[in-house]
């Protein structure tokens, strides 16, 4: 399937063309319509399968740049993955007016606070730093409509299970939850069963995963 068959907005389609994307990866093809429909999703997919754009492209269609506040929250285990998401989101949303930003440990809270007060539509965060902001800044999750947990198994392996539970419990309004993980064992299953509503479950075989170079 090709991106020009998805009915993307002209702004997002222009960005996708500029990024050189033509064909969807298997994870993008299986999840795109479901994410746009607002379904909860648990997907098992390896790193390098195209998950960043599988999340970022439908989010660029769903977020309204005219509405202030964080409409989409992406939780990731590491600073490196947070920066990867923001780089990709900036490219996808470059013609839309959607502002993306990452918060993570080891960087000035004050600088992050200043950026957050200037308007962010899509927030990428590591769990610990997000909780720091929830307690110590004006950051709220009142406008969040989509929550995306990537590498959920890694987050829980790194000891973030209580942090993730706390963050998800703070989102009181109706929202969509998307969980991506390389494995679906143990705490990941508990997390999914607790917070996902009638989720669609997708498992990609390793041979379906796109090459790491893509």
C-alpha atoms as a PDB file:
ATOM      1  CA  UNK A   1       0.000   0.000   0.000  1.00  0.00           C
ATOM      2  CA  UNK A   2       1.205   3.505  -0.814  1.00  0.00           C
ATOM      3  CA  UNK A   3       0.905   6.689   1.238  1.00  0.00           C
ATOM      4  CA  UNK A   4      -0.936   8.490  -1.565  1.00  0.00           C
ATOM      5  CA  UNK A   5      -3.788   5.959  -1.141  1.00  0.00           C
ATOM      6  CA  UNK A   6      -4.453   6.991   2.476  1.00  0.00           C
ATOM      7  CA  UNK A   7      -6.354  10.214   1.834  1.00  0.00           C
ATOM      8  CA  UNK A   8      -3.891  12.288   3.849  1.00  0.00           C
ATOM      9  CA  UNK A   9      -4.331  16.034   4.169  1.00  0.00           C
ATOM     10  CA  UNK A  10      -2.358  18.041   1.563  1.00  0.00           C
ATOM     11  CA  UNK A  11      -0.056  19.375   4.306  1.00  0.00           C
ATOM     12  CA  UNK A  12       0.865  15.939   5.642  1.00  0.00           C
ATOM     13  CA  UNK A  13       1.090  14.397   2.159  1.00  0.00           C
ATOM     14  CA  UNK A  14       3.504  17.130   1.108  1.00  0.00           C
ATOM     15  CA  UNK A  15       5.737  16.348   4.086  1.00  0.00           C
ATOM     16  CA  UNK A  16       5.576  12.597   3.431  1.00  0.00           C
ATOM     17  CA  UNK A  17       6.664  13.189  -0.165  1.00  0.00           C
ATOM     18  CA  UNK A  18       9.507  15.437   0.986  1.00  0.00           C
ATOM     19  CA  UNK A  19      10.654  12.672   3.340  1.00  0.00           C
ATOM     20  CA  UNK A  20      10.783  10.281   0.390  1.00  0.00           C
ATOM     21  CA  UNK A  21       8.180   7.882   1.783  1.00  0.00           C
ATOM     22  CA  UNK A  22       6.123   6.007  -0.823  1.00  0.00           C
ATOM     23  CA  UNK A  23       5.198   2.534   0.479  1.00  0.00           C
ATOM     24  CA  UNK A  24       3.903   1.745   3.965  1.00  0.00           C
ATOM     25  CA  UNK A  25       5.804  -0.739   6.106  1.00  0.00           C
ATOM     26  CA  UNK A  26       3.751  -3.706   7.422  1.00  0.00           C
ATOM     27  CA  UNK A  27       3.216  -2.099  10.853  1.00  0.00           C
ATOM     28  CA  UNK A  28       2.097   1.162   9.245  1.00  0.00           C
ATOM     29  CA  UNK A  29      -0.289  -0.633   6.899  1.00  0.00           C
ATOM     30  CA  UNK A  30      -1.885  -2.645   9.709  1.00  0.00           C
ATOM     31  CA  UNK A  31      -2.252   0.189  12.210  1.00  0.00           C
ATOM     32  CA  UNK A  32      -2.935   3.383  10.246  1.00  0.00           C
ATOM     33  CA  UNK A  33      -6.702   3.066   9.753  1.00  0.00           C
ATOM     34  CA  UNK A  34      -7.206   1.718  13.281  1.00  0.00           C
ATOM     35  CA  UNK A  35      -5.375   4.664  14.859  1.00  0.00           C
ATOM     36  CA  UNK A  36      -7.379   7.179  12.811  1.00  0.00           C
ATOM     37  CA  UNK A  37     -10.605   5.425  13.849  1.00  0.00           C
ATOM     38  CA  UNK A  38      -9.700   5.966  17.498  1.00  0.00           C
ATOM     39  CA  UNK A  39      -9.325   2.277  18.373  1.00  0.00           C
ATOM     40  CA  UNK A  40      -7.108   1.164  21.249  1.00  0.00           C
ATOM     41  CA  UNK A  41      -4.261  -0.936  19.961  1.00  0.00           C
ATOM     42  CA  UNK A  42      -1.611  -3.302  21.264  1.00  0.00           C
ATOM     43  CA  UNK A  43       1.007  -4.142  18.677  1.00  0.00           C
ATOM     44  CA  UNK A  44       4.034  -6.368  18.900  1.00  0.00           C
ATOM     45  CA  UNK A  45       6.720  -5.029  16.601  1.00  0.00           C
ATOM     46  CA  UNK A  46      10.497  -4.811  16.691  1.00  0.00           C
ATOM     47  CA  UNK A  47      12.664  -1.703  16.534  1.00  0.00           C
ATOM     48  CA  UNK A  48      13.184  -0.665  12.916  1.00  0.00           C
ATOM     49  CA  UNK A  49       9.677  -1.608  11.776  1.00  0.00           C
ATOM     50  CA  UNK A  50       8.545   1.966  11.091  1.00  0.00           C
ATOM     51  CA  UNK A  51       6.694   2.521  14.378  1.00  0.00           C
ATOM     52  CA  UNK A  52       7.693   6.182  14.672  1.00  0.00           C
ATOM     53  CA  UNK A  53       5.879   7.137  11.489  1.00  0.00           C
ATOM     54  CA  UNK A  54       3.126   4.592  12.173  1.00  0.00           C
ATOM     55  CA  UNK A  55       2.358   6.821  15.151  1.00  0.00           C
ATOM     56  CA  UNK A  56       3.414  10.216  13.808  1.00  0.00           C
ATOM     57  CA  UNK A  57       1.539  10.332  10.507  1.00  0.00           C
ATOM     58  CA  UNK A  58      -1.944   9.559  11.872  1.00  0.00           C
ATOM     59  CA  UNK A  59      -1.279  11.907  14.825  1.00  0.00           C
ATOM     60  CA  UNK A  60      -0.530  14.711  12.384  1.00  0.00           C
ATOM     61  CA  UNK A  61      -3.985  14.093  10.894  1.00  0.00           C
ATOM     62  CA  UNK A  62      -5.737  13.925  14.281  1.00  0.00           C
ATOM     63  CA  UNK A  63      -4.165  16.824  16.200  1.00  0.00           C
ATOM     64  CA  UNK A  64      -5.781  20.249  15.755  1.00  0.00           C
ATOM     65  CA  UNK A  65      -3.110  22.981  15.764  1.00  0.00           C
ATOM     66  CA  UNK A  66      -5.777  25.584  16.591  1.00  0.00           C
ATOM     67  CA  UNK A  67      -6.534  23.893  19.922  1.00  0.00           C
ATOM     68  CA  UNK A  68      -4.013  24.856  22.634  1.00  0.00           C
ATOM     69  CA  UNK A  69      -2.722  22.173  24.960  1.00  0.00           C
ATOM     70  CA  UNK A  70      -1.149  18.730  24.695  1.00  0.00           C
ATOM     71  CA  UNK A  71      -3.467  16.560  22.594  1.00  0.00           C
ATOM     72  CA  UNK A  72      -1.145  13.566  22.161  1.00  0.00           C
ATOM     73  CA  UNK A  73       1.303  12.074  24.668  1.00  0.00           C
ATOM     74  CA  UNK A  74       4.056   9.683  23.599  1.00  0.00           C
ATOM     75  CA  UNK A  75       5.832   7.817  26.410  1.00  0.00           C
ATOM     76  CA  UNK A  76       9.226   6.286  25.640  1.00  0.00           C
ATOM     77  CA  UNK A  77      11.948   4.707  27.800  1.00  0.00           C
ATOM     78  CA  UNK A  78      14.985   6.731  26.719  1.00  0.00           C
ATOM     79  CA  UNK A  79      16.134  10.219  25.750  1.00  0.00           C
ATOM     80  CA  UNK A  80      17.427   8.852  22.426  1.00  0.00           C
ATOM     81  CA  UNK A  81      14.011   7.526  21.432  1.00  0.00           C
ATOM     82  CA  UNK A  82      12.334  10.756  22.584  1.00  0.00           C
ATOM     83  CA  UNK A  83      14.615  12.787  20.307  1.00  0.00           C
ATOM     84  CA  UNK A  84      14.006  10.370  17.433  1.00  0.00           C
ATOM     85  CA  UNK A  85      10.260  10.870  17.780  1.00  0.00           C
ATOM     86  CA  UNK A  86      10.480  14.654  17.876  1.00  0.00           C
ATOM     87  CA  UNK A  87      12.742  14.735  14.811  1.00  0.00           C
ATOM     88  CA  UNK A  88      10.254  12.574  12.894  1.00  0.00           C
ATOM     89  CA  UNK A  89       7.209  14.499  14.145  1.00  0.00           C
ATOM     90  CA  UNK A  90       8.799  17.804  13.176  1.00  0.00           C
ATOM     91  CA  UNK A  91       9.294  16.529   9.626  1.00  0.00           C
ATOM     92  CA  UNK A  92       5.785  15.077   9.357  1.00  0.00           C
ATOM     93  CA  UNK A  93       4.123  18.182  10.825  1.00  0.00           C
ATOM     94  CA  UNK A  94       6.317  20.810   9.169  1.00  0.00           C
ATOM     95  CA  UNK A  95       3.424  22.217   7.068  1.00  0.00           C
ATOM     96  CA  UNK A  96       0.639  21.753   9.641  1.00  0.00           C
ATOM     97  CA  UNK A  97       1.448  24.176  12.467  1.00  0.00           C
ATOM     98  CA  UNK A  98       1.606  21.286  14.952  1.00  0.00           C
ATOM     99  CA  UNK A  99       4.244  21.801  17.665  1.00  0.00           C
ATOM    100  CA  UNK A 100       6.051  18.771  19.080  1.00  0.00           C
ATOM    101  CA  UNK A 101       8.455  18.744  22.013  1.00  0.00           C
ATOM    102  CA  UNK A 102      10.404  16.201  24.073  1.00  0.00           C
ATOM    103  CA  UNK A 103      11.082  16.232  27.807  1.00  0.00           C
ATOM    104  CA  UNK A 104      13.602  13.883  29.397  1.00  0.00           C
ATOM    105  CA  UNK A 105      16.019  13.738  32.305  1.00  0.00           C
ATOM    106  CA  UNK A 106      19.472  15.280  32.230  1.00  0.00           C
ATOM    107  CA  UNK A 107      18.259  18.522  30.652  1.00  0.00           C
ATOM    108  CA  UNK A 108      17.234  21.823  32.262  1.00  0.00           C
ATOM    109  CA  UNK A 109      13.718  21.742  33.737  1.00  0.00           C
ATOM    110  CA  UNK A 110      13.507  25.536  33.371  1.00  0.00           C
ATOM    111  CA  UNK A 111      14.169  25.440  29.624  1.00  0.00           C
ATOM    112  CA  UNK A 112      11.603  22.668  29.249  1.00  0.00           C
ATOM    113  CA  UNK A 113       9.049  24.641  31.298  1.00  0.00           C
ATOM    114  CA  UNK A 114       9.560  27.716  29.107  1.00  0.00           C
ATOM    115  CA  UNK A 115       8.950  25.719  25.933  1.00  0.00           C
ATOM    116  CA  UNK A 116       5.846  24.054  27.380  1.00  0.00           C
ATOM    117  CA  UNK A 117       4.276  27.429  28.189  1.00  0.00           C
ATOM    118  CA  UNK A 118       4.632  28.485  24.534  1.00  0.00           C
ATOM    119  CA  UNK A 119       2.290  25.763  23.328  1.00  0.00           C
ATOM    120  CA  UNK A 120       2.914  22.088  22.583  1.00  0.00           C
ATOM    121  CA  UNK A 121       0.419  19.838  20.785  1.00  0.00           C
ATOM    122  CA  UNK A 122       2.366  16.561  20.871  1.00  0.00           C
ATOM    123  CA  UNK A 123       4.535  15.820  23.917  1.00  0.00           C
ATOM    124  CA  UNK A 124       7.154  13.073  23.873  1.00  0.00           C
ATOM    125  CA  UNK A 125       8.380  12.179  27.362  1.00  0.00           C
ATOM    126  CA  UNK A 126      10.302   9.737  29.474  1.00  0.00           C
ATOM    127  CA  UNK A 127       8.140   8.738  32.448  1.00  0.00           C
ATOM    128  CA  UNK A 128      10.294  10.103  35.263  1.00  0.00           C
ATOM    129  CA  UNK A 129      10.744  13.545  33.742  1.00  0.00           C
ATOM    130  CA  UNK A 130       7.048  13.810  32.888  1.00  0.00           C
ATOM    131  CA  UNK A 131       6.168  13.158  36.537  1.00  0.00           C
ATOM    132  CA  UNK A 132       8.694  15.838  37.580  1.00  0.00           C
ATOM    133  CA  UNK A 133       6.782  18.312  35.414  1.00  0.00           C
ATOM    134  CA  UNK A 134       3.367  17.181  36.629  1.00  0.00           C
ATOM    135  CA  UNK A 135       4.470  17.931  40.187  1.00  0.00           C
ATOM    136  CA  UNK A 136       6.659  20.990  39.581  1.00  0.00           C
ATOM    137  CA  UNK A 137       5.288  22.924  36.602  1.00  0.00           C
ATOM    138  CA  UNK A 138       2.000  24.034  35.075  1.00  0.00           C
ATOM    139  CA  UNK A 139       1.958  21.039  32.699  1.00  0.00           C
ATOM    140  CA  UNK A 140      -1.442  19.330  32.550  1.00  0.00           C
ATOM    141  CA  UNK A 141      -2.810  16.390  30.570  1.00  0.00           C
ATOM    142  CA  UNK A 142      -6.377  17.723  30.388  1.00  0.00           C
ATOM    143  CA  UNK A 143      -6.447  17.950  26.584  1.00  0.00           C
ATOM    144  CA  UNK A 144      -4.792  14.582  25.891  1.00  0.00           C
ATOM    145  CA  UNK A 145      -6.863  12.473  23.499  1.00  0.00           C
ATOM    146  CA  UNK A 146      -4.227   9.947  22.377  1.00  0.00           C
ATOM    147  CA  UNK A 147      -1.584   8.185  24.486  1.00  0.00           C
ATOM    148  CA  UNK A 148       1.132   6.193  22.750  1.00  0.00           C
ATOM    149  CA  UNK A 149       3.443   3.882  24.728  1.00  0.00           C
ATOM    150  CA  UNK A 150       6.408   2.751  22.671  1.00  0.00           C
ATOM    151  CA  UNK A 151       8.821   0.012  23.736  1.00  0.00           C
ATOM    152  CA  UNK A 152       6.519  -0.659  26.679  1.00  0.00           C
ATOM    153  CA  UNK A 153       8.493  -3.788  27.614  1.00  0.00           C
ATOM    154  CA  UNK A 154      11.699  -1.742  27.855  1.00  0.00           C
ATOM    155  CA  UNK A 155       9.999   0.916  29.994  1.00  0.00           C
ATOM    156  CA  UNK A 156       8.779  -1.699  32.441  1.00  0.00           C
ATOM    157  CA  UNK A 157      12.130  -3.541  32.434  1.00  0.00           C
ATOM    158  CA  UNK A 158      13.810  -0.250  33.366  1.00  0.00           C
ATOM    159  CA  UNK A 159      11.600   0.059  36.452  1.00  0.00           C
ATOM    160  CA  UNK A 160       9.062   2.561  35.122  1.00  0.00           C
ATOM    161  CA  UNK A 161       5.980   0.441  35.842  1.00  0.00           C
ATOM    162  CA  UNK A 162       4.767   2.594  38.763  1.00  0.00           C
ATOM    163  CA  UNK A 163       5.517   5.809  36.868  1.00  0.00           C
ATOM    164  CA  UNK A 164       3.586   4.626  33.799  1.00  0.00           C
ATOM    165  CA  UNK A 165       0.639   3.551  35.937  1.00  0.00           C
ATOM    166  CA  UNK A 166       0.631   6.919  37.688  1.00  0.00           C
ATOM    167  CA  UNK A 167       0.755   8.871  34.408  1.00  0.00           C
ATOM    168  CA  UNK A 168      -2.054   6.864  32.824  1.00  0.00           C
ATOM    169  CA  UNK A 169      -4.173   7.284  35.952  1.00  0.00           C
ATOM    170  CA  UNK A 170      -3.760  11.080  35.620  1.00  0.00           C
ATOM    171  CA  UNK A 171      -5.505  11.153  32.225  1.00  0.00           C
ATOM    172  CA  UNK A 172      -9.116  11.404  33.288  1.00  0.00           C
ATOM    173  CA  UNK A 173     -10.824  12.305  29.996  1.00  0.00           C
ATOM    174  CA  UNK A 174     -11.804   9.880  27.253  1.00  0.00           C
ATOM    175  CA  UNK A 175      -8.728   8.981  25.220  1.00  0.00           C
ATOM    176  CA  UNK A 176      -7.238   6.434  22.879  1.00  0.00           C
ATOM    177  CA  UNK A 177      -4.328   4.282  24.107  1.00  0.00           C
ATOM    178  CA  UNK A 178      -1.799   2.719  21.742  1.00  0.00           C
ATOM    179  CA  UNK A 179       0.760   0.273  23.128  1.00  0.00           C
ATOM    180  CA  UNK A 180       3.727  -0.955  21.105  1.00  0.00           C
ATOM    181  CA  UNK A 181       6.159  -3.524  22.469  1.00  0.00           C
ATOM    182  CA  UNK A 182       8.642  -6.123  21.225  1.00  0.00           C
ATOM    183  CA  UNK A 183       7.099  -8.644  23.658  1.00  0.00           C
ATOM    184  CA  UNK A 184       3.725  -8.909  25.372  1.00  0.00           C
ATOM    185  CA  UNK A 185       4.638 -10.837  28.504  1.00  0.00           C
ATOM    186  CA  UNK A 186       4.110 -10.190  32.193  1.00  0.00           C
ATOM    187  CA  UNK A 187       3.713  -6.565  33.219  1.00  0.00           C
ATOM    188  CA  UNK A 188       3.021  -5.453  29.631  1.00  0.00           C
ATOM    189  CA  UNK A 189      -0.081  -7.665  29.498  1.00  0.00           C
ATOM    190  CA  UNK A 190      -1.209  -6.348  32.897  1.00  0.00           C
ATOM    191  CA  UNK A 191      -0.732  -2.763  31.709  1.00  0.00           C
ATOM    192  CA  UNK A 192      -2.685  -3.435  28.508  1.00  0.00           C
ATOM    193  CA  UNK A 193      -5.513  -5.202  30.327  1.00  0.00           C
ATOM    194  CA  UNK A 194      -5.783  -2.326  32.811  1.00  0.00           C
ATOM    195  CA  UNK A 195      -5.757   0.681  30.496  1.00  0.00           C
ATOM    196  CA  UNK A 196      -6.760  -0.424  26.988  1.00  0.00           C
ATOM    197  CA  UNK A 197     -10.422  -0.624  25.969  1.00  0.00           C
ATOM    198  CA  UNK A 198     -11.304  -3.542  23.661  1.00  0.00           C
ATOM    199  CA  UNK A 199      -7.922  -3.262  21.923  1.00  0.00           C
ATOM    200  CA  UNK A 200      -7.057  -4.610  18.507  1.00  0.00           C
ATOM    201  CA  UNK A 201      -4.056  -6.900  18.867  1.00  0.00           C
ATOM    202  CA  UNK A 202      -1.448  -7.003  16.109  1.00  0.00           C
ATOM    203  CA  UNK A 203       1.580  -9.289  16.077  1.00  0.00           C
ATOM    204  CA  UNK A 204       4.120  -8.943  13.306  1.00  0.00           C
ATOM    205  CA  UNK A 205       6.485 -11.824  12.578  1.00  0.00           C
ATOM    206  CA  UNK A 206      10.148 -10.961  12.490  1.00  0.00           C
ATOM    207  CA  UNK A 207      10.278 -11.675   8.756  1.00  0.00           C
ATOM    208  CA  UNK A 208       7.618  -8.988   8.226  1.00  0.00           C
ATOM    209  CA  UNK A 209       9.739  -6.314   9.876  1.00  0.00           C
ATOM    210  CA  UNK A 210      11.355  -3.788   7.563  1.00  0.00           C
ATOM    211  CA  UNK A 211      15.151  -3.675   7.340  1.00  0.00           C
ATOM    212  CA  UNK A 212      16.905  -1.591  10.005  1.00  0.00           C
ATOM    213  CA  UNK A 213      18.189   0.781   7.316  1.00  0.00           C
ATOM    214  CA  UNK A 214      14.715   2.128   6.498  1.00  0.00           C
END
